[in-house]
Amino acid sequence: VLDTPHAYAVGALPQLQGEITIIDGQAWIAQPMGNGELQVDGPSAHSSAGAAMLTVAHVEQWDEFNIETALGDEALEDFIAERARNAGVELERPFPFVIAGTATDLQTHVVNGACPMKPGARLAAEQQPWRHQLSATGMAKVVGFYAADSVGKLTHPGTSVHAHAVFEANGQTVTAHVERMKFAPDAKLYLPIVE
């Protein structure tokens, strides 16, 4: 994946032992270590790291769109779809996006052997994910894929996006799967340029 320039990806490590996020060829890998600790490696290439699942796009050029009002969850998904449609992106196929700016709400997790968002999931104590909820506004960069009608394949129930964030938490840069997000009006949405 990283041999081709401008890679963007979201995924999980083998046996769902952590999360993988790639932004413009920079790879971040996060793994829960127990006791609320998280080990994060990045932003560097990990030639030996594998993936149980990895959704990838290589995008050299992006269109930039201002997020002019605070948007979160469903409204943010609608904004992504509307801007993509207007820019000529096919909504019937999954496509990548990036959001960068001030997050006012960001709830995330890092898997630890099982998916906590699977309907009816009851995780054993040793499979509890690392969780983080932004307690104050902070800068975040989100990479994700918009995929309509892809529940169980690429997205979780109730959403058309699979997204990961890179942000500061507990004094370190971390990456995690996004469960919920809201961005302030200073944020930017980036969509691949359609040629």
N, C-alpha and C. Protein backbone atom coordinates (compact mmCIF):
# COMPACT_ATOMS: atom_id res chain seq x y z
N VAL A 1 0.83 -1.20 0.00
CA VAL A 1 0.00 0.00 0.00
C VAL A 1 0.87 1.25 0.00
N LEU A 2 1.91 1.26 0.83
CA LEU A 2 2.73 2.46 0.98
C LEU A 2 3.74 2.64 -0.14
N ASP A 3 3.91 1.61 -0.98
CA ASP A 3 4.83 1.75 -2.11
C ASP A 3 4.30 2.73 -3.15
N THR A 4 2.98 2.91 -3.20
CA THR A 4 2.39 3.88 -4.11
C THR A 4 2.16 5.17 -3.35
N PRO A 5 2.61 6.31 -3.90
CA PRO A 5 2.48 7.58 -3.17
C PRO A 5 1.02 7.97 -2.90
N HIS A 6 0.84 8.81 -1.90
CA HIS A 6 -0.44 9.42 -1.56
C HIS A 6 -1.50 8.39 -1.15
N ALA A 7 -1.08 7.45 -0.30
CA ALA A 7 -2.01 6.44 0.21
C ALA A 7 -2.84 7.00 1.36
N TYR A 8 -4.12 6.66 1.37
CA TYR A 8 -5.05 6.99 2.44
C TYR A 8 -5.80 5.71 2.76
N ALA A 9 -5.86 5.33 4.06
CA ALA A 9 -6.48 4.06 4.38
C ALA A 9 -6.97 4.02 5.82
N VAL A 10 -7.96 3.17 6.05
CA VAL A 10 -8.43 2.83 7.39
C VAL A 10 -8.56 1.32 7.46
N GLY A 11 -8.24 0.76 8.63
CA GLY A 11 -8.36 -0.68 8.76
C GLY A 11 -8.02 -1.14 10.15
N ALA A 12 -7.94 -2.46 10.28
CA ALA A 12 -7.67 -3.08 11.57
C ALA A 12 -6.53 -4.08 11.43
N LEU A 13 -5.79 -4.24 12.52
CA LEU A 13 -4.70 -5.22 12.54
C LEU A 13 -5.26 -6.64 12.54
N PRO A 14 -4.43 -7.63 12.23
CA PRO A 14 -4.88 -9.02 12.31
C PRO A 14 -5.47 -9.35 13.68
N GLN A 15 -6.48 -10.20 13.69
CA GLN A 15 -7.22 -10.58 14.90
C GLN A 15 -7.82 -9.36 15.62
N LEU A 16 -8.03 -8.28 14.88
CA LEU A 16 -8.61 -7.05 15.42
C LEU A 16 -7.87 -6.58 16.68
N GLN A 17 -6.55 -6.62 16.61
CA GLN A 17 -5.72 -6.23 17.76
C GLN A 17 -5.33 -4.76 17.76
N GLY A 18 -5.95 -3.96 16.92
CA GLY A 18 -5.64 -2.53 16.87
C GLY A 18 -6.13 -1.93 15.58
N GLU A 19 -5.86 -0.63 15.43
CA GLU A 19 -6.33 0.14 14.27
C GLU A 19 -5.17 0.63 13.43
N ILE A 20 -5.43 0.75 12.13
CA ILE A 20 -4.45 1.28 11.18
C ILE A 20 -5.06 2.50 10.50
N THR A 21 -4.31 3.58 10.45
CA THR A 21 -4.73 4.78 9.74
C THR A 21 -3.57 5.24 8.88
N ILE A 22 -3.83 5.51 7.62
CA ILE A 22 -2.79 6.03 6.72
C ILE A 22 -3.30 7.33 6.11
N ILE A 23 -2.50 8.40 6.27
CA ILE A 23 -2.85 9.70 5.71
C ILE A 23 -1.67 10.18 4.88
N ASP A 24 -1.89 10.27 3.57
CA ASP A 24 -0.86 10.70 2.62
C ASP A 24 0.45 9.94 2.81
N GLY A 25 0.33 8.63 2.92
CA GLY A 25 1.51 7.76 3.01
C GLY A 25 2.11 7.65 4.40
N GLN A 26 1.55 8.35 5.39
CA GLN A 26 2.03 8.23 6.76
C GLN A 26 1.15 7.24 7.51
N ALA A 27 1.76 6.20 8.03
CA ALA A 27 1.02 5.12 8.68
C ALA A 27 1.06 5.26 10.20
N TRP A 28 -0.12 5.19 10.80
CA TRP A 28 -0.27 5.21 12.25
C TRP A 28 -0.89 3.89 12.67
N ILE A 29 -0.32 3.24 13.67
CA ILE A 29 -0.86 1.98 14.17
C ILE A 29 -1.04 2.11 15.68
N ALA A 30 -2.25 1.80 16.14
CA ALA A 30 -2.58 1.90 17.57
C ALA A 30 -3.02 0.54 18.08
N GLN A 31 -2.48 0.16 19.26
CA GLN A 31 -2.82 -1.12 19.89
C GLN A 31 -3.05 -0.91 21.38
N PRO A 32 -4.20 -1.38 21.92
CA PRO A 32 -4.41 -1.32 23.37
C PRO A 32 -3.41 -2.23 24.08
N MET A 33 -2.88 -1.74 25.20
CA MET A 33 -1.88 -2.51 25.94
C MET A 33 -2.41 -2.94 27.32
N GLY A 34 -3.67 -2.69 27.61
CA GLY A 34 -4.23 -3.01 28.92
C GLY A 34 -4.06 -1.84 29.87
N ASN A 35 -4.82 -1.86 30.95
CA ASN A 35 -4.77 -0.80 31.97
C ASN A 35 -4.99 0.59 31.39
N GLY A 36 -5.77 0.67 30.31
CA GLY A 36 -6.06 1.97 29.72
C GLY A 36 -4.94 2.57 28.89
N GLU A 37 -3.87 1.81 28.70
CA GLU A 37 -2.72 2.30 27.93
C GLU A 37 -2.89 1.99 26.45
N LEU A 38 -2.33 2.84 25.61
CA LEU A 38 -2.38 2.67 24.17
C LEU A 38 -0.99 2.86 23.60
N GLN A 39 -0.55 1.91 22.80
CA GLN A 39 0.73 2.05 22.10
C GLN A 39 0.44 2.53 20.69
N VAL A 40 1.10 3.62 20.31
CA VAL A 40 0.90 4.18 18.97
C VAL A 40 2.25 4.30 18.29
N ASP A 41 2.34 3.76 17.08
CA ASP A 41 3.52 3.89 16.25
C ASP A 41 3.15 4.73 15.04
N GLY A 42 4.00 5.69 14.70
CA GLY A 42 3.73 6.49 13.52
C GLY A 42 4.32 7.88 13.71
N PRO A 43 4.38 8.66 12.70
CA PRO A 43 3.93 8.33 11.34
C PRO A 43 5.07 7.77 10.50
N SER A 44 5.16 6.49 10.44
CA SER A 44 6.22 5.86 9.66
C SER A 44 5.70 4.61 9.00
N ALA A 45 6.43 4.14 8.03
CA ALA A 45 6.05 2.92 7.33
C ALA A 45 6.36 1.71 8.20
N HIS A 46 5.45 0.76 8.21
CA HIS A 46 5.63 -0.48 8.97
C HIS A 46 5.60 -1.62 7.97
N SER A 47 6.77 -2.00 7.48
CA SER A 47 6.82 -2.99 6.40
C SER A 47 6.30 -4.35 6.84
N SER A 48 6.35 -4.66 8.14
CA SER A 48 5.93 -5.99 8.58
C SER A 48 4.49 -6.01 9.09
N ALA A 49 3.83 -4.85 9.16
CA ALA A 49 2.47 -4.82 9.70
C ALA A 49 1.48 -5.36 8.68
N GLY A 50 0.63 -6.27 9.13
CA GLY A 50 -0.43 -6.81 8.27
C GLY A 50 -1.75 -6.20 8.65
N ALA A 51 -2.81 -6.62 7.97
CA ALA A 51 -4.13 -6.09 8.26
C ALA A 51 -5.19 -7.17 8.08
N ALA A 52 -6.16 -7.17 8.99
CA ALA A 52 -7.32 -8.05 8.83
C ALA A 52 -8.25 -7.45 7.79
N MET A 53 -8.26 -6.13 7.73
CA MET A 53 -9.09 -5.38 6.80
C MET A 53 -8.42 -4.04 6.56
N LEU A 54 -8.37 -3.59 5.31
CA LEU A 54 -7.77 -2.30 5.00
C LEU A 54 -8.44 -1.74 3.76
N THR A 55 -9.08 -0.60 3.90
CA THR A 55 -9.69 0.09 2.77
C THR A 55 -8.75 1.20 2.35
N VAL A 56 -8.36 1.21 1.07
CA VAL A 56 -7.27 2.06 0.60
C VAL A 56 -7.68 2.85 -0.64
N ALA A 57 -7.20 4.07 -0.71
CA ALA A 57 -7.27 4.88 -1.94
C ALA A 57 -5.95 5.62 -2.07
N HIS A 58 -5.56 5.88 -3.28
CA HIS A 58 -4.38 6.69 -3.55
C HIS A 58 -4.88 7.96 -4.24
N VAL A 59 -4.74 9.09 -3.55
CA VAL A 59 -5.29 10.36 -4.05
C VAL A 59 -4.18 11.39 -4.08
N GLU A 60 -3.93 11.89 -5.26
CA GLU A 60 -2.86 12.88 -5.42
C GLU A 60 -3.37 14.31 -5.23
N GLN A 61 -4.62 14.57 -5.67
CA GLN A 61 -5.16 15.93 -5.60
C GLN A 61 -6.56 15.91 -5.00
N TRP A 62 -6.82 16.92 -4.16
CA TRP A 62 -8.10 17.01 -3.46
C TRP A 62 -8.78 18.33 -3.75
N ASP A 63 -10.11 18.31 -3.78
CA ASP A 63 -10.92 19.53 -3.75
C ASP A 63 -11.13 19.90 -2.29
N GLU A 64 -11.11 21.19 -1.98
CA GLU A 64 -11.29 21.66 -0.60
C GLU A 64 -12.63 22.37 -0.46
N PHE A 65 -13.36 22.04 0.61
CA PHE A 65 -14.67 22.65 0.88
C PHE A 65 -14.68 23.14 2.32
N ASN A 66 -15.15 24.37 2.51
CA ASN A 66 -15.28 24.91 3.87
C ASN A 66 -16.51 24.33 4.54
N ILE A 67 -16.35 23.95 5.80
CA ILE A 67 -17.50 23.57 6.62
C ILE A 67 -17.90 24.84 7.35
N GLU A 68 -19.00 25.45 6.90
CA GLU A 68 -19.34 26.80 7.34
C GLU A 68 -20.21 26.85 8.59
N THR A 69 -20.81 25.73 8.96
CA THR A 69 -21.57 25.65 10.21
C THR A 69 -21.13 24.39 10.94
N ALA A 70 -21.31 24.38 12.25
CA ALA A 70 -20.94 23.19 13.02
C ALA A 70 -21.75 22.00 12.53
N LEU A 71 -21.07 20.92 12.18
CA LEU A 71 -21.73 19.73 11.65
C LEU A 71 -21.22 18.49 12.36
N GLY A 72 -22.14 17.56 12.60
CA GLY A 72 -21.75 16.29 13.20
C GLY A 72 -22.62 15.16 12.70
N ASP A 73 -22.08 13.96 12.81
CA ASP A 73 -22.76 12.71 12.51
C ASP A 73 -23.58 12.76 11.22
N GLU A 74 -24.92 12.61 11.32
CA GLU A 74 -25.75 12.50 10.12
C GLU A 74 -25.68 13.75 9.25
N ALA A 75 -25.68 14.93 9.86
CA ALA A 75 -25.58 16.17 9.09
C ALA A 75 -24.24 16.26 8.37
N LEU A 76 -23.18 15.77 9.01
CA LEU A 76 -21.87 15.77 8.39
C LEU A 76 -21.83 14.78 7.23
N GLU A 77 -22.43 13.61 7.42
CA GLU A 77 -22.52 12.63 6.33
C GLU A 77 -23.28 13.21 5.14
N ASP A 78 -24.39 13.90 5.42
CA ASP A 78 -25.17 14.52 4.35
C ASP A 78 -24.35 15.58 3.62
N PHE A 79 -23.56 16.35 4.37
CA PHE A 79 -22.70 17.38 3.79
C PHE A 79 -21.66 16.74 2.86
N ILE A 80 -21.05 15.65 3.33
CA ILE A 80 -20.06 14.94 2.50
C ILE A 80 -20.70 14.45 1.21
N ALA A 81 -21.87 13.82 1.32
CA ALA A 81 -22.56 13.29 0.14
C ALA A 81 -22.95 14.40 -0.83
N GLU A 82 -23.48 15.51 -0.31
CA GLU A 82 -23.91 16.62 -1.17
C GLU A 82 -22.73 17.24 -1.91
N ARG A 83 -21.64 17.51 -1.17
CA ARG A 83 -20.47 18.11 -1.82
C ARG A 83 -19.87 17.14 -2.84
N ALA A 84 -19.85 15.86 -2.52
CA ALA A 84 -19.30 14.87 -3.45
C ALA A 84 -20.15 14.80 -4.73
N ARG A 85 -21.45 14.76 -4.56
CA ARG A 85 -22.36 14.71 -5.72
C ARG A 85 -22.14 15.93 -6.61
N ASN A 86 -22.06 17.12 -6.00
CA ASN A 86 -21.86 18.35 -6.76
C ASN A 86 -20.50 18.40 -7.44
N ALA A 87 -19.52 17.67 -6.88
CA ALA A 87 -18.17 17.66 -7.46
C ALA A 87 -17.99 16.54 -8.50
N GLY A 88 -19.06 15.77 -8.74
CA GLY A 88 -18.98 14.72 -9.75
C GLY A 88 -18.49 13.37 -9.25
N VAL A 89 -18.41 13.22 -7.94
CA VAL A 89 -18.00 11.92 -7.36
C VAL A 89 -19.19 10.96 -7.41
N GLU A 90 -18.97 9.73 -7.82
CA GLU A 90 -20.03 8.72 -7.87
C GLU A 90 -20.36 8.26 -6.46
N LEU A 91 -21.59 8.50 -6.02
CA LEU A 91 -21.98 8.10 -4.67
C LEU A 91 -22.27 6.61 -4.57
N GLU A 92 -22.42 5.93 -5.70
CA GLU A 92 -22.71 4.50 -5.70
C GLU A 92 -21.48 3.67 -5.36
N ARG A 93 -20.32 4.27 -5.43
CA ARG A 93 -19.07 3.57 -5.12
C ARG A 93 -18.42 4.23 -3.91
N PRO A 94 -17.78 3.44 -3.04
CA PRO A 94 -17.09 4.05 -1.89
C PRO A 94 -16.03 5.05 -2.37
N PHE A 95 -15.90 6.15 -1.64
CA PHE A 95 -14.88 7.14 -1.98
C PHE A 95 -14.27 7.70 -0.70
N PRO A 96 -13.00 8.11 -0.77
CA PRO A 96 -12.32 8.63 0.41
C PRO A 96 -12.66 10.10 0.66
N PHE A 97 -12.47 10.51 1.90
CA PHE A 97 -12.59 11.92 2.26
C PHE A 97 -11.64 12.18 3.43
N VAL A 98 -11.32 13.44 3.62
CA VAL A 98 -10.51 13.89 4.75
C VAL A 98 -11.20 15.10 5.35
N ILE A 99 -11.23 15.19 6.66
CA ILE A 99 -11.72 16.38 7.35
C ILE A 99 -10.60 16.83 8.29
N ALA A 100 -10.30 18.11 8.29
CA ALA A 100 -9.28 18.66 9.18
C ALA A 100 -9.80 19.93 9.81
N GLY A 101 -9.63 20.05 11.12
CA GLY A 101 -10.07 21.25 11.81
C GLY A 101 -10.33 21.00 13.27
N THR A 102 -11.13 21.87 13.86
CA THR A 102 -11.42 21.80 15.28
C THR A 102 -12.60 20.86 15.52
N ALA A 103 -12.34 19.79 16.25
CA ALA A 103 -13.40 18.86 16.63
C ALA A 103 -13.99 19.32 17.96
N THR A 104 -15.31 19.43 18.00
CA THR A 104 -15.99 19.81 19.24
C THR A 104 -16.59 18.60 19.93
N ASP A 105 -16.67 17.49 19.23
CA ASP A 105 -17.13 16.23 19.79
C ASP A 105 -16.43 15.13 19.00
N LEU A 106 -15.74 14.27 19.69
CA LEU A 106 -15.03 13.19 19.03
C LEU A 106 -15.00 12.00 19.98
N GLN A 107 -15.76 10.97 19.64
CA GLN A 107 -15.77 9.74 20.44
C GLN A 107 -15.15 8.65 19.60
N THR A 108 -14.13 7.99 20.17
CA THR A 108 -13.35 7.02 19.40
C THR A 108 -13.07 5.76 20.20
N HIS A 109 -12.61 4.73 19.48
CA HIS A 109 -12.14 3.52 20.15
C HIS A 109 -11.03 2.87 19.32
N VAL A 110 -10.27 2.01 19.97
CA VAL A 110 -9.29 1.15 19.30
C VAL A 110 -9.64 -0.28 19.66
N VAL A 111 -9.92 -1.09 18.63
CA VAL A 111 -10.35 -2.47 18.87
C VAL A 111 -9.28 -3.27 19.60
N ASN A 112 -9.75 -4.27 20.33
CA ASN A 112 -8.86 -5.08 21.17
C ASN A 112 -9.26 -6.56 21.08
N GLY A 113 -9.40 -7.04 19.84
CA GLY A 113 -9.73 -8.46 19.64
C GLY A 113 -11.16 -8.70 19.24
N ALA A 114 -12.01 -7.69 19.32
CA ALA A 114 -13.41 -7.82 18.92
C ALA A 114 -13.98 -6.44 18.65
N CYS A 115 -14.99 -6.38 17.78
CA CYS A 115 -15.58 -5.09 17.43
C CYS A 115 -16.63 -4.69 18.45
N PRO A 116 -16.46 -3.54 19.10
CA PRO A 116 -17.43 -3.10 20.09
C PRO A 116 -18.71 -2.53 19.47
N MET A 117 -18.72 -2.30 18.16
CA MET A 117 -19.88 -1.70 17.51
C MET A 117 -20.77 -2.73 16.82
N LYS A 118 -20.38 -3.99 16.90
CA LYS A 118 -21.19 -5.06 16.32
C LYS A 118 -22.50 -5.15 17.11
N PRO A 119 -23.65 -5.18 16.43
CA PRO A 119 -24.92 -5.26 17.15
C PRO A 119 -24.94 -6.43 18.13
N GLY A 120 -25.32 -6.15 19.37
CA GLY A 120 -25.40 -7.19 20.39
C GLY A 120 -24.06 -7.63 20.95
N ALA A 121 -22.99 -6.88 20.64
CA ALA A 121 -21.65 -7.28 21.10
C ALA A 121 -21.57 -7.27 22.62
N ARG A 122 -21.08 -8.36 23.18
CA ARG A 122 -20.80 -8.45 24.61
C ARG A 122 -19.35 -8.89 24.73
N LEU A 123 -18.51 -7.95 25.05
CA LEU A 123 -17.08 -8.21 25.03
C LEU A 123 -16.59 -8.63 26.41
N ALA A 124 -15.71 -9.62 26.42
CA ALA A 124 -15.06 -10.03 27.66
C ALA A 124 -14.15 -8.91 28.13
N ALA A 125 -13.78 -8.96 29.40
CA ALA A 125 -12.95 -7.90 29.99
C ALA A 125 -11.66 -7.70 29.20
N GLU A 126 -11.05 -8.79 28.76
CA GLU A 126 -9.78 -8.66 28.03
C GLU A 126 -9.96 -8.17 26.60
N GLN A 127 -11.20 -8.05 26.11
CA GLN A 127 -11.46 -7.56 24.77
C GLN A 127 -12.01 -6.14 24.76
N GLN A 128 -12.08 -5.50 25.90
CA GLN A 128 -12.61 -4.14 25.94
C GLN A 128 -11.68 -3.21 25.16
N PRO A 129 -12.24 -2.39 24.31
CA PRO A 129 -11.40 -1.49 23.51
C PRO A 129 -10.85 -0.35 24.35
N TRP A 130 -9.79 0.27 23.84
CA TRP A 130 -9.34 1.54 24.38
C TRP A 130 -10.33 2.57 23.87
N ARG A 131 -10.82 3.42 24.73
CA ARG A 131 -11.81 4.43 24.35
C ARG A 131 -11.31 5.82 24.73
N HIS A 132 -11.70 6.80 23.91
CA HIS A 132 -11.37 8.18 24.23
C HIS A 132 -12.50 9.07 23.72
N GLN A 133 -12.94 9.97 24.57
CA GLN A 133 -13.90 10.98 24.17
C GLN A 133 -13.26 12.33 24.44
N LEU A 134 -13.24 13.14 23.42
CA LEU A 134 -12.66 14.48 23.54
C LEU A 134 -13.37 15.23 24.65
N SER A 135 -12.62 15.72 25.63
CA SER A 135 -13.23 16.43 26.75
C SER A 135 -13.26 17.94 26.52
N ALA A 136 -12.54 18.41 25.52
CA ALA A 136 -12.56 19.83 25.14
C ALA A 136 -12.27 19.89 23.65
N THR A 137 -12.55 21.03 23.05
CA THR A 137 -12.28 21.14 21.62
C THR A 137 -10.80 20.93 21.34
N GLY A 138 -10.50 20.33 20.21
CA GLY A 138 -9.12 20.07 19.83
C GLY A 138 -9.00 19.82 18.35
N MET A 139 -7.82 19.98 17.84
CA MET A 139 -7.57 19.74 16.42
C MET A 139 -7.58 18.25 16.13
N ALA A 140 -8.14 17.90 15.01
CA ALA A 140 -8.17 16.49 14.59
C ALA A 140 -8.13 16.43 13.07
N LYS A 141 -7.58 15.35 12.59
CA LYS A 141 -7.63 15.05 11.16
C LYS A 141 -8.31 13.69 11.04
N VAL A 142 -9.33 13.64 10.20
CA VAL A 142 -10.09 12.41 10.00
C VAL A 142 -9.91 11.96 8.56
N VAL A 143 -9.62 10.68 8.37
CA VAL A 143 -9.63 10.09 7.04
C VAL A 143 -10.69 9.01 7.07
N GLY A 144 -11.47 8.96 6.01
CA GLY A 144 -12.54 7.98 5.99
C GLY A 144 -13.00 7.66 4.59
N PHE A 145 -13.97 6.76 4.53
CA PHE A 145 -14.58 6.37 3.27
C PHE A 145 -16.08 6.49 3.42
N TYR A 146 -16.70 7.16 2.48
CA TYR A 146 -18.15 7.23 2.40
C TYR A 146 -18.59 6.05 1.55
N ALA A 147 -19.47 5.22 2.08
CA ALA A 147 -19.92 4.03 1.37
C ALA A 147 -21.38 3.78 1.69
N ALA A 148 -22.24 4.24 0.80
CA ALA A 148 -23.68 4.05 1.00
C ALA A 148 -24.03 2.57 0.91
N ASP A 149 -24.96 2.13 1.72
CA ASP A 149 -25.46 0.75 1.68
C ASP A 149 -24.35 -0.28 1.83
N SER A 150 -23.40 -0.02 2.74
CA SER A 150 -22.28 -0.95 2.93
C SER A 150 -22.17 -1.45 4.36
N VAL A 151 -23.29 -1.46 5.09
CA VAL A 151 -23.28 -1.93 6.47
C VAL A 151 -22.84 -3.39 6.50
N GLY A 152 -21.92 -3.69 7.39
CA GLY A 152 -21.41 -5.05 7.52
C GLY A 152 -20.27 -5.37 6.59
N LYS A 153 -20.06 -4.54 5.58
CA LYS A 153 -18.94 -4.74 4.65
C LYS A 153 -17.85 -3.71 4.91
N LEU A 154 -18.29 -2.43 4.98
CA LEU A 154 -17.33 -1.34 5.17
C LEU A 154 -17.73 -0.41 6.30
N THR A 155 -19.02 -0.38 6.62
CA THR A 155 -19.50 0.53 7.65
C THR A 155 -20.26 -0.23 8.74
N HIS A 156 -20.47 0.46 9.85
CA HIS A 156 -21.26 -0.08 10.95
C HIS A 156 -22.72 0.34 10.79
N PRO A 157 -23.65 -0.33 11.48
CA PRO A 157 -25.06 0.06 11.38
C PRO A 157 -25.26 1.53 11.75
N GLY A 158 -26.15 2.18 10.99
CA GLY A 158 -26.51 3.56 11.30
C GLY A 158 -25.61 4.61 10.70
N THR A 159 -24.65 4.21 9.87
CA THR A 159 -23.75 5.20 9.27
C THR A 159 -23.34 4.77 7.86
N SER A 160 -22.99 5.75 7.05
CA SER A 160 -22.48 5.49 5.70
C SER A 160 -20.98 5.77 5.61
N VAL A 161 -20.33 6.00 6.76
CA VAL A 161 -18.89 6.27 6.73
C VAL A 161 -18.13 5.32 7.66
N HIS A 162 -16.92 5.05 7.28
CA HIS A 162 -15.94 4.36 8.13
C HIS A 162 -14.78 5.33 8.21
N ALA A 163 -14.52 5.84 9.41
CA ALA A 163 -13.52 6.90 9.55
C ALA A 163 -12.63 6.66 10.75
N HIS A 164 -11.38 7.12 10.62
CA HIS A 164 -10.42 7.11 11.72
C HIS A 164 -9.91 8.54 11.91
N ALA A 165 -9.54 8.86 13.13
CA ALA A 165 -9.02 10.19 13.44
C ALA A 165 -7.60 10.09 13.96
N VAL A 166 -6.83 11.13 13.71
CA VAL A 166 -5.52 11.32 14.32
C VAL A 166 -5.62 12.61 15.13
N PHE A 167 -5.30 12.53 16.43
CA PHE A 167 -5.50 13.67 17.33
C PHE A 167 -4.61 13.50 18.55
N GLU A 168 -4.58 14.52 19.40
CA GLU A 168 -3.79 14.48 20.62
C GLU A 168 -4.67 13.99 21.78
N ALA A 169 -4.16 13.03 22.55
CA ALA A 169 -4.87 12.53 23.74
C ALA A 169 -3.84 12.12 24.77
N ASN A 170 -4.04 12.58 25.99
CA ASN A 170 -3.15 12.22 27.09
C ASN A 170 -1.69 12.50 26.77
N GLY A 171 -1.43 13.61 26.07
CA GLY A 171 -0.07 14.02 25.80
C GLY A 171 0.62 13.31 24.66
N GLN A 172 -0.12 12.52 23.87
CA GLN A 172 0.51 11.85 22.73
C GLN A 172 -0.40 11.92 21.51
N THR A 173 0.18 11.76 20.33
CA THR A 173 -0.61 11.68 19.11
C THR A 173 -1.12 10.26 18.99
N VAL A 174 -2.43 10.12 18.81
CA VAL A 174 -3.03 8.80 18.71
C VAL A 174 -3.89 8.72 17.46
N THR A 175 -4.27 7.51 17.11
CA THR A 175 -5.25 7.28 16.06
C THR A 175 -6.27 6.30 16.59
N ALA A 176 -7.51 6.44 16.13
CA ALA A 176 -8.57 5.57 16.61
C ALA A 176 -9.74 5.61 15.63
N HIS A 177 -10.58 4.60 15.72
CA HIS A 177 -11.80 4.53 14.93
C HIS A 177 -12.82 5.54 15.46
N VAL A 178 -13.47 6.26 14.57
CA VAL A 178 -14.44 7.28 14.97
C VAL A 178 -15.82 6.66 15.14
N GLU A 179 -16.39 6.84 16.33
CA GLU A 179 -17.77 6.44 16.58
C GLU A 179 -18.71 7.62 16.38
N ARG A 180 -18.26 8.80 16.78
CA ARG A 180 -19.08 10.01 16.68
C ARG A 180 -18.15 11.19 16.49
N MET A 181 -18.55 12.17 15.65
CA MET A 181 -17.71 13.34 15.45
C MET A 181 -18.55 14.56 15.12
N LYS A 182 -18.05 15.71 15.54
CA LYS A 182 -18.66 17.00 15.21
C LYS A 182 -17.53 17.99 15.05
N PHE A 183 -17.60 18.79 14.00
CA PHE A 183 -16.55 19.76 13.72
C PHE A 183 -17.09 21.19 13.73
N ALA A 184 -16.25 22.10 14.17
CA ALA A 184 -16.57 23.53 14.21
C ALA A 184 -16.52 24.11 12.80
N PRO A 185 -17.06 25.32 12.61
CA PRO A 185 -17.11 25.92 11.27
C PRO A 185 -15.77 26.21 10.61
N ASP A 186 -14.66 26.12 11.34
CA ASP A 186 -13.37 26.37 10.71
C ASP A 186 -12.82 25.15 9.97
N ALA A 187 -13.51 24.03 10.04
CA ALA A 187 -12.99 22.78 9.47
C ALA A 187 -13.09 22.78 7.95
N LYS A 188 -12.29 21.92 7.34
CA LYS A 188 -12.27 21.76 5.89
C LYS A 188 -12.56 20.30 5.55
N LEU A 189 -13.33 20.12 4.50
CA LEU A 189 -13.58 18.79 3.93
C LEU A 189 -12.79 18.69 2.64
N TYR A 190 -12.12 17.56 2.44
CA TYR A 190 -11.37 17.31 1.23
C TYR A 190 -11.94 16.08 0.53
N LEU A 191 -12.21 16.22 -0.77
CA LEU A 191 -12.72 15.14 -1.61
C LEU A 191 -11.82 14.97 -2.81
N PRO A 192 -11.67 13.74 -3.31
CA PRO A 192 -10.78 13.55 -4.45
C PRO A 192 -11.29 14.31 -5.68
N ILE A 193 -10.35 14.91 -6.40
CA ILE A 193 -10.72 15.61 -7.62
C ILE A 193 -11.08 14.60 -8.69
N VAL A 194 -12.24 14.81 -9.31
CA VAL A 194 -12.72 13.93 -10.38
C VAL A 194 -12.23 14.50 -11.71
N GLU A 195 -11.55 13.66 -12.47
CA GLU A 195 -11.02 14.12 -13.77
C GLU A 195 -11.89 13.65 -14.91
